[in-house]
Each structure stands twice: as C-alpha cells, then as structure tokens.
C-alpha cells in the first residue's frame, strides 16, 4: 500500500508504532520495522543520551529498515538533556523523529539540518496547523479515544480526522482507537495517510513488557479505561486498577485544590514497576479504549500481515462490492 506516509518514511505499510514509556525499546521498534511499519524507540525511557545511543545501535543491529525515535518535550524543573538526546539521534543516523508534548520549534532547525523528518503528535486541529506552520513534515492526530494524553478538548476521531483533512496540507497519521484493518481503512477514508498504534503494539510477542501487562490489555473491554489528572489539566487515559481508583478518590475528595504532589504516589516511578515487574495495581499507566478490540498477542509480523490482508479484503470486497451492487 502506498500513501504519502509510506513515501515520506520509506516504509512498506502505513503503520507507525507510537512512542511509549518503558515499551518503546529496540526489540519492539525493530520488530515493527521488520514487519514493514515504522518502529519507534522512546528516548526519555533511556536515562541518558549515552543510553539512547546504545539503544539506537542495538536497533540498528536488529533491522536494516527505517525506524524513528520519540522525543517528548516536557515542562519540568530538571530538564532532560535534550541537546544530548538530539546529538545521539543525529549521530545514530536516525532520520525520523516523533516529537510530542511542548512545541518543538526550538529544536527543528538542528533536526532539519541533519535531514531528519519530524512528525509531531497533536490532539487538536489548531495544534496540527501550528506544527505545519513551524515546519513539521507530518503530524499524528490523536483523538479522545487514545491512551496517554488526549488533550482537553475531548474530540473523538470520527470528527477530528475529517477536520484535520479539511485543514492540513502535510500528511497525517490517525492515532487513538487504532488496532486492526478496520481502523486503517476508516483512517484512510477520513483523510489520514496511515495510522499510529500504541496500545495494540504493547500486546505483541516482541513488546518487552511483563506478560501481566499484555494479559491485562487482552482481558480489558472498551469500558475499562479511566481519565485521571483532569483537575490538573494534564488529562491521561489509563487502564483502571486499584492504584487508579485510589488516585480518582483523591481527585474527588480534594477537588479544585488538588496538587500534583497529592497523587505523586500513584503516578511517579510507576512505569518500571508495571511494565518490567508486572505490578498491575501500582498506579496509572497509559492505555487506550482500543483495548476492547484487542483479543490476542501476535508477533508484529503476524499483526501487520493480518491488517494489510484484511484491509485489502474490506476495500476490494466489502466496499467495492457495495458500489457494484
């Protein structure tokens, strides 16, 4: 399948793996890329730029296909060594970067000077237009269904994607609620040039996370996610568990007076405990409503093969068949 995204990134299939904390390691990125999609290493999961350089080298040893790096720009007291991470990306020969969080405009010149394509993650059309205006090559448009941070507008993809198609000139990926061939065909029909999957890729054989995490996603329905940190205007969609229930109880009790410090036990340092150790009630971790559509744990190759075969069947069989009738 050929789209503006496959052409831009030099990939066979218009499917990108989202950058995910303590999930986006070399093993998963390489598996997605080897299956014809675009695998992504998550930079800030690596503690230092030196660690990221090693992870990029490791991925390079596992695939000869294109892969990218996610770099999330966060407001924080102790800023990550962003120049160091960017240096590791450039010296590692990575040519695709997914940016997220704050506006990446400060870092675009050095990325562009080194021939790197930049995809910025957006949760609103106005943010996507800003990304286009500052020179991003593509955007990932995240609907309200998505795991992680859906923004504060609460617009689902049935509206958000066609709106993005109306306004944008640059290619964009559909993100949030993406899991299978139906997702891909629907995304393409609404104007996207491909899809970005996060939660679906956690439930794959190659995802380097604890088996408890994969089984929790398979067992979950579309009703099992919760929105946390809304009072702080830092909304995150997470899978429900005992830690999340505790967090939500604090939000209800403290109301508008809540501070980040009040919930730090349920959100800080939680990812290694859950993703690596399988402590499923430790606290809040990002998971999309799409968990309700995930029923197995295939390899990345099996998953992408299945998506492309079934997408062809939907387009040529179901949709063309309707026209013929």
Protein backbone atom coordinates (compact mmCIF):
# COMPACT_ATOMS: atom_id res chain seq x y z
CA UNK A 1 0.00 0.00 0.00
CA UNK A 2 1.35 3.41 -0.98
CA UNK A 3 0.46 6.67 0.80
CA UNK A 4 2.22 9.96 1.44
CA UNK A 5 3.43 8.49 4.75
CA UNK A 6 4.96 5.34 3.23
CA UNK A 7 6.68 7.51 0.62
CA UNK A 8 8.00 10.00 3.17
CA UNK A 9 9.41 7.39 5.55
CA UNK A 10 10.45 4.75 3.03
CA UNK A 11 8.27 2.05 4.60
CA UNK A 12 6.04 -0.61 3.03
CA UNK A 13 2.97 -0.26 5.21
CA UNK A 14 1.32 2.95 6.51
CA UNK A 15 1.50 1.86 10.14
CA UNK A 16 3.58 3.56 12.82
CA UNK A 17 4.28 2.39 16.36
CA UNK A 18 3.70 5.14 18.89
CA UNK A 19 6.41 6.19 21.32
CA UNK A 20 5.55 4.60 24.67
CA UNK A 21 7.31 4.92 28.02
CA UNK A 22 9.09 1.69 29.02
CA UNK A 23 7.66 -0.03 25.93
CA UNK A 24 9.50 1.60 23.01
CA UNK A 25 12.75 -0.33 23.25
CA UNK A 26 14.90 -1.57 20.36
CA UNK A 27 13.31 -5.05 20.31
CA UNK A 28 9.81 -3.72 19.58
CA UNK A 29 10.92 -0.94 17.23
CA UNK A 30 12.94 -3.37 15.13
CA UNK A 31 10.11 -5.93 15.03
CA UNK A 32 7.63 -3.30 13.76
CA UNK A 33 10.09 -2.03 11.16
CA UNK A 34 10.97 -5.55 10.01
CA UNK A 35 7.23 -6.16 9.52
CA UNK A 36 7.04 -3.20 7.13
CA UNK A 37 5.85 -0.49 9.52
CA UNK A 38 7.75 2.25 11.33
CA UNK A 39 9.13 1.25 14.72
CA UNK A 40 9.86 3.90 17.34
CA UNK A 41 12.36 4.00 20.23
CA UNK A 42 11.24 6.16 23.19
CA UNK A 43 14.13 8.49 24.03
CA UNK A 44 13.17 9.51 27.58
CA UNK A 45 12.83 5.88 28.69
CA UNK A 46 16.62 5.86 28.32
CA UNK A 47 18.12 7.55 31.37
CA UNK A 48 20.90 9.34 29.49
CA UNK A 49 21.80 10.30 25.91
CA UNK A 50 24.55 7.65 26.11
CA UNK A 51 21.91 5.02 26.90
CA UNK A 52 19.84 6.21 23.93
CA UNK A 53 22.87 5.94 21.66
CA UNK A 54 23.32 2.32 22.76
CA UNK A 55 19.61 1.58 22.18
CA UNK A 56 19.77 3.07 18.67
CA UNK A 57 22.85 0.97 17.91
CA UNK A 58 21.05 -2.11 19.25
CA UNK A 59 18.06 -1.42 16.99
CA UNK A 60 20.38 -0.88 14.04
CA UNK A 61 21.74 -4.38 14.67
CA UNK A 62 18.21 -5.86 14.64
CA UNK A 63 16.86 -4.21 11.48
CA UNK A 64 18.08 -2.65 8.26
CA UNK A 65 14.71 -0.92 7.78
CA UNK A 66 13.86 2.68 8.75
CA UNK A 67 12.98 3.34 12.40
CA UNK A 68 12.49 6.51 14.41
CA UNK A 69 12.88 7.98 17.87
CA UNK A 70 10.16 9.59 20.01
CA UNK A 71 11.31 12.71 21.86
CA UNK A 72 8.77 14.23 24.24
CA UNK A 73 9.38 17.80 25.40
CA UNK A 74 8.13 18.13 28.95
CA UNK A 75 7.88 21.12 31.27
CA UNK A 76 9.96 20.18 34.30
CA UNK A 77 12.25 21.64 36.94
CA UNK A 78 15.09 19.32 35.99
CA UNK A 79 15.05 19.38 32.19
CA UNK A 80 16.24 16.26 30.39
CA UNK A 81 19.46 16.72 28.40
CA UNK A 82 17.62 17.44 25.16
CA UNK A 83 20.76 18.59 23.24
CA UNK A 84 22.41 15.32 24.29
CA UNK A 85 19.46 13.21 23.17
CA UNK A 86 19.31 15.03 19.82
CA UNK A 87 23.06 14.52 19.36
CA UNK A 88 22.58 10.77 19.96
CA UNK A 89 19.75 10.70 17.40
CA UNK A 90 21.82 12.51 14.77
CA UNK A 91 25.00 10.52 15.36
CA UNK A 92 22.97 7.29 15.35
CA UNK A 93 21.84 8.05 11.80
CA UNK A 94 18.13 8.17 12.71
CA UNK A 95 16.17 10.06 10.05
CA UNK A 96 12.69 10.16 11.61
CA UNK A 97 11.76 11.79 14.93
CA UNK A 98 8.33 11.80 16.56
CA UNK A 99 8.00 14.84 18.81
CA UNK A 100 5.35 15.24 21.48
CA UNK A 101 4.48 17.48 24.41
CA UNK A 102 5.61 21.10 24.13
CA UNK A 103 6.10 22.95 20.84
CA UNK A 104 9.26 21.53 19.19
CA UNK A 105 10.09 24.73 17.26
CA UNK A 106 13.33 25.33 19.23
CA UNK A 107 14.74 22.00 18.09
CA UNK A 108 13.53 21.88 14.48
CA UNK A 109 16.48 23.69 12.86
CA UNK A 110 19.10 21.22 14.07
CA UNK A 111 16.88 18.25 13.17
CA UNK A 112 16.14 19.61 9.69
CA UNK A 113 19.80 20.49 9.07
CA UNK A 114 20.58 16.82 9.56
CA UNK A 115 17.94 15.58 7.14
CA UNK A 116 15.53 14.34 9.81
CA UNK A 117 11.80 14.15 9.14
CA UNK A 118 9.72 15.37 12.09
CA UNK A 119 6.25 14.05 13.00
CA UNK A 120 4.57 15.99 15.80
CA UNK A 121 1.84 14.45 17.96
CA UNK A 122 -1.25 16.69 18.24
CA UNK A 123 -4.62 16.42 19.95
CA UNK A 124 -6.32 19.35 18.19
CA UNK A 125 -6.53 20.73 14.66
CA UNK A 126 -5.18 24.10 15.81
CA UNK A 127 -2.08 22.36 17.21
CA UNK A 128 -1.66 20.41 13.98
CA UNK A 129 -1.83 23.63 11.95
CA UNK A 130 0.81 25.18 14.22
CA UNK A 131 3.04 22.14 13.69
CA UNK A 132 2.58 22.52 9.94
CA UNK A 133 3.36 26.25 10.12
CA UNK A 134 6.64 25.78 12.02
CA UNK A 135 7.87 23.20 9.51
CA UNK A 136 6.97 19.73 10.79
CA UNK A 137 6.86 17.22 7.94
CA UNK A 138 3.80 15.34 9.22
CA UNK A 139 1.59 15.12 12.29
CA UNK A 140 0.00 12.35 14.32
CA UNK A 141 -3.56 13.39 15.16
CA UNK A 142 -4.68 11.89 18.49
CA UNK A 143 -8.38 11.51 19.15
CA UNK A 144 -10.08 11.42 22.55
CA UNK A 145 -10.01 7.60 22.49
CA UNK A 146 -6.22 7.47 22.71
CA UNK A 147 -4.20 6.08 25.58
CA UNK A 148 -1.96 8.62 27.29
CA UNK A 149 -2.71 12.32 26.94
CA UNK A 150 -5.81 13.11 24.80
CA UNK A 151 -5.71 16.84 25.48
CA UNK A 152 -8.61 18.77 26.98
CA UNK A 153 -10.99 19.17 24.02
CA UNK A 154 -12.48 15.64 24.08
CA UNK A 155 -12.98 15.38 20.31
CA UNK A 156 -13.14 11.76 19.04
CA UNK A 157 -11.53 10.67 15.79
CA UNK A 158 -14.78 10.42 13.78
CA UNK A 159 -14.77 14.25 13.94
CA UNK A 160 -11.11 15.07 14.49
CA UNK A 161 -9.68 13.21 11.49
CA UNK A 162 -12.00 14.72 8.84
CA UNK A 163 -11.42 18.15 10.40
CA UNK A 164 -7.66 17.63 10.13
CA UNK A 165 -8.08 16.55 6.50
CA UNK A 166 -10.03 19.75 5.78
CA UNK A 167 -7.28 21.97 7.17
CA UNK A 168 -3.88 20.31 6.72
CA UNK A 169 -1.64 20.20 3.66
CA UNK A 170 1.01 17.94 5.21
CA UNK A 171 0.39 14.19 5.67
CA UNK A 172 -1.07 12.98 8.95
CA UNK A 173 -1.49 9.72 10.83
CA UNK A 174 -4.61 8.73 12.74
CA UNK A 175 -3.87 7.89 16.36
CA UNK A 176 -6.18 6.72 19.12
CA UNK A 177 -8.53 3.76 18.71
CA UNK A 178 -6.33 2.14 16.05
CA UNK A 179 -6.00 -1.66 16.27
CA UNK A 180 -6.81 -3.50 13.07
CA UNK A 181 -7.68 -3.42 9.36
CA UNK A 182 -10.98 -1.66 10.06
CA UNK A 183 -9.07 1.11 11.84
CA UNK A 184 -6.70 1.54 8.91
CA UNK A 185 -9.39 1.62 6.23
CA UNK A 186 -11.51 4.04 8.28
CA UNK A 187 -8.49 6.30 8.90
CA UNK A 188 -7.67 6.38 5.19
CA UNK A 189 -11.33 7.07 4.35
CA UNK A 190 -11.32 10.07 6.69
CA UNK A 191 -8.25 11.59 5.07
CA UNK A 192 -5.32 10.21 7.05
CA UNK A 193 -2.26 8.79 5.29
CA UNK A 194 -1.76 5.97 7.79
CA UNK A 195 -2.29 5.05 11.41
CA UNK A 196 -0.29 5.19 14.61
CA UNK A 197 -0.87 2.31 17.07
CA UNK A 198 0.25 2.33 20.68
CA UNK A 199 -1.77 0.04 22.94
CA UNK A 200 -2.14 -2.59 20.19
CA UNK A 201 1.66 -2.93 19.95
CA UNK A 202 2.00 -3.49 23.72
CA UNK A 203 0.03 -6.72 23.24
CA UNK A 204 2.54 -8.30 20.84
CA UNK A 205 5.09 -11.04 21.36
CA UNK A 206 8.06 -8.70 20.88
CA UNK A 207 6.87 -5.95 23.24
CA UNK A 208 9.46 -6.07 26.07
CA UNK A 209 6.91 -5.73 28.87
CA UNK A 210 5.74 -8.14 31.57
CA UNK A 211 3.23 -10.78 30.49
CA UNK A 212 0.79 -9.42 33.11
CA UNK A 213 0.56 -6.18 31.12
CA UNK A 214 -0.25 -7.97 27.87
CA UNK A 215 -2.87 -10.16 29.55
CA UNK A 216 -4.47 -7.12 31.21
CA UNK A 217 -4.94 -5.48 27.80
CA UNK A 218 -6.44 -8.64 26.28
CA UNK A 219 -8.79 -9.02 29.26
CA UNK A 220 -9.93 -5.37 29.22
CA UNK A 221 -13.03 -4.07 27.49
CA UNK A 222 -13.60 -0.64 25.98
CA UNK A 223 -15.15 0.37 29.34
CA UNK A 224 -12.05 -0.29 31.45
CA UNK A 225 -10.04 2.91 30.96
CA UNK A 226 -10.27 6.00 33.16
CA UNK A 227 -9.32 9.66 32.75
CA UNK A 228 -7.02 10.90 35.50
CA UNK A 229 -5.44 14.28 36.28
CA UNK A 230 -8.30 16.22 34.66
CA UNK A 231 -8.35 18.78 37.52
CA UNK A 232 -4.66 19.48 36.77
CA UNK A 233 -5.41 19.92 33.03
CA UNK A 234 -2.94 17.15 32.32
CA UNK A 235 -5.53 14.50 31.42
CA UNK A 236 -4.28 10.97 30.87
CA UNK A 237 -6.25 7.93 29.76
CA UNK A 238 -5.15 4.88 31.76
CA UNK A 239 -6.26 1.33 32.43
CA UNK A 240 -8.29 1.05 35.60
CA UNK A 241 -6.70 -0.68 38.62
CA UNK A 242 -6.51 -0.29 42.40
CA UNK A 243 -3.90 2.47 42.12
CA UNK A 244 -6.06 4.41 39.67
CA UNK A 245 -9.13 4.05 41.90
CA UNK A 246 -7.09 5.48 44.77
CA UNK A 247 -5.99 8.40 42.57
CA UNK A 248 -9.56 9.13 41.47
CA UNK A 249 -10.74 9.06 45.09
CA UNK A 250 -8.15 11.72 45.94
CA UNK A 251 -9.29 13.85 42.99
CA UNK A 252 -12.90 13.61 44.17
CA UNK A 253 -12.00 14.45 47.76
CA UNK A 254 -9.63 17.36 47.06
CA UNK A 255 -11.45 18.79 44.04
CA UNK A 256 -10.01 22.01 42.65
CA UNK A 257 -7.46 22.15 45.48
CA UNK A 258 -5.59 19.07 44.28
CA UNK A 259 -1.88 19.38 43.51
CA UNK A 260 0.43 17.02 41.68
CA UNK A 261 2.16 16.25 44.98
CA UNK A 262 -1.10 14.76 46.28
CA UNK A 263 -1.08 12.00 43.66
CA UNK A 264 2.64 11.50 43.18
CA UNK A 265 2.50 8.04 44.77
CA UNK A 266 0.11 6.83 42.03
CA UNK A 267 1.92 8.36 39.04
CA UNK A 268 5.64 8.86 39.73
CA UNK A 269 8.01 5.97 39.07
CA UNK A 270 5.12 3.65 38.27
CA UNK A 271 6.13 2.56 34.76
CA UNK A 272 9.12 0.33 35.61
CA UNK A 273 7.08 -1.39 38.33
CA UNK A 274 4.23 -2.16 35.93
CA UNK A 275 5.94 -2.65 32.58
CA UNK A 276 9.00 -4.52 33.84
CA UNK A 277 7.81 -6.15 37.06
CA UNK A 278 4.12 -6.71 36.28
CA UNK A 279 2.79 -4.96 39.43
CA UNK A 280 -0.58 -4.26 37.87
CA UNK A 281 -2.06 -2.24 40.74
CA UNK A 282 0.97 0.00 41.26
CA UNK A 283 -0.62 3.08 39.67
CA UNK A 284 -1.61 4.83 36.47
CA UNK A 285 -0.30 3.67 33.09
CA UNK A 286 -1.43 4.77 29.65
CA UNK A 287 -3.87 2.53 27.80
CA UNK A 288 -6.40 3.32 25.09
CA UNK A 289 -10.08 2.40 24.85
CA UNK A 290 -8.93 0.27 21.92
CA UNK A 291 -8.10 -2.45 24.47
CA UNK A 292 -11.68 -3.58 23.83
CA UNK A 293 -10.66 -4.57 20.28
CA UNK A 294 -7.52 -6.47 21.31
CA UNK A 295 -8.07 -10.20 21.78
CA UNK A 296 -4.69 -11.83 21.15
CA UNK A 297 -0.92 -11.44 21.40
CA UNK A 298 0.54 -11.97 17.91
CA UNK A 299 4.02 -11.22 16.63
CA UNK A 300 4.38 -7.83 14.95
CA UNK A 301 4.79 -9.59 11.61
CA UNK A 302 1.57 -11.56 12.12
CA UNK A 303 -0.28 -8.42 13.21
CA UNK A 304 0.79 -6.25 10.29
CA UNK A 305 0.30 -9.07 7.75
CA UNK A 306 -3.22 -9.59 9.07
CA UNK A 307 -4.03 -5.88 8.99
CA UNK A 308 -2.92 -5.48 5.39
CA UNK A 309 -4.65 -8.66 4.14
CA UNK A 310 -7.92 -7.76 5.86
CA UNK A 311 -7.70 -4.10 4.76
CA UNK A 312 -7.47 -5.27 1.15
CA UNK A 313 -10.47 -7.54 1.71
CA UNK A 314 -12.50 -4.67 3.19
CA UNK A 315 -11.65 -2.28 0.37
CA UNK A 316 -11.92 -4.68 -2.56
CA UNK A 317 -14.60 -6.95 -1.17
CA UNK A 318 -16.97 -5.13 1.14
CA UNK A 319 -16.64 -1.54 -0.13
CA UNK A 320 -16.20 -2.17 -3.88
CA UNK A 321 -18.91 -4.80 -3.61
CA UNK A 322 -21.32 -2.20 -2.31
CA UNK A 323 -20.58 0.03 -5.29
CA UNK A 324 -21.13 -2.83 -7.71
CA UNK A 325 -24.50 -3.58 -6.12
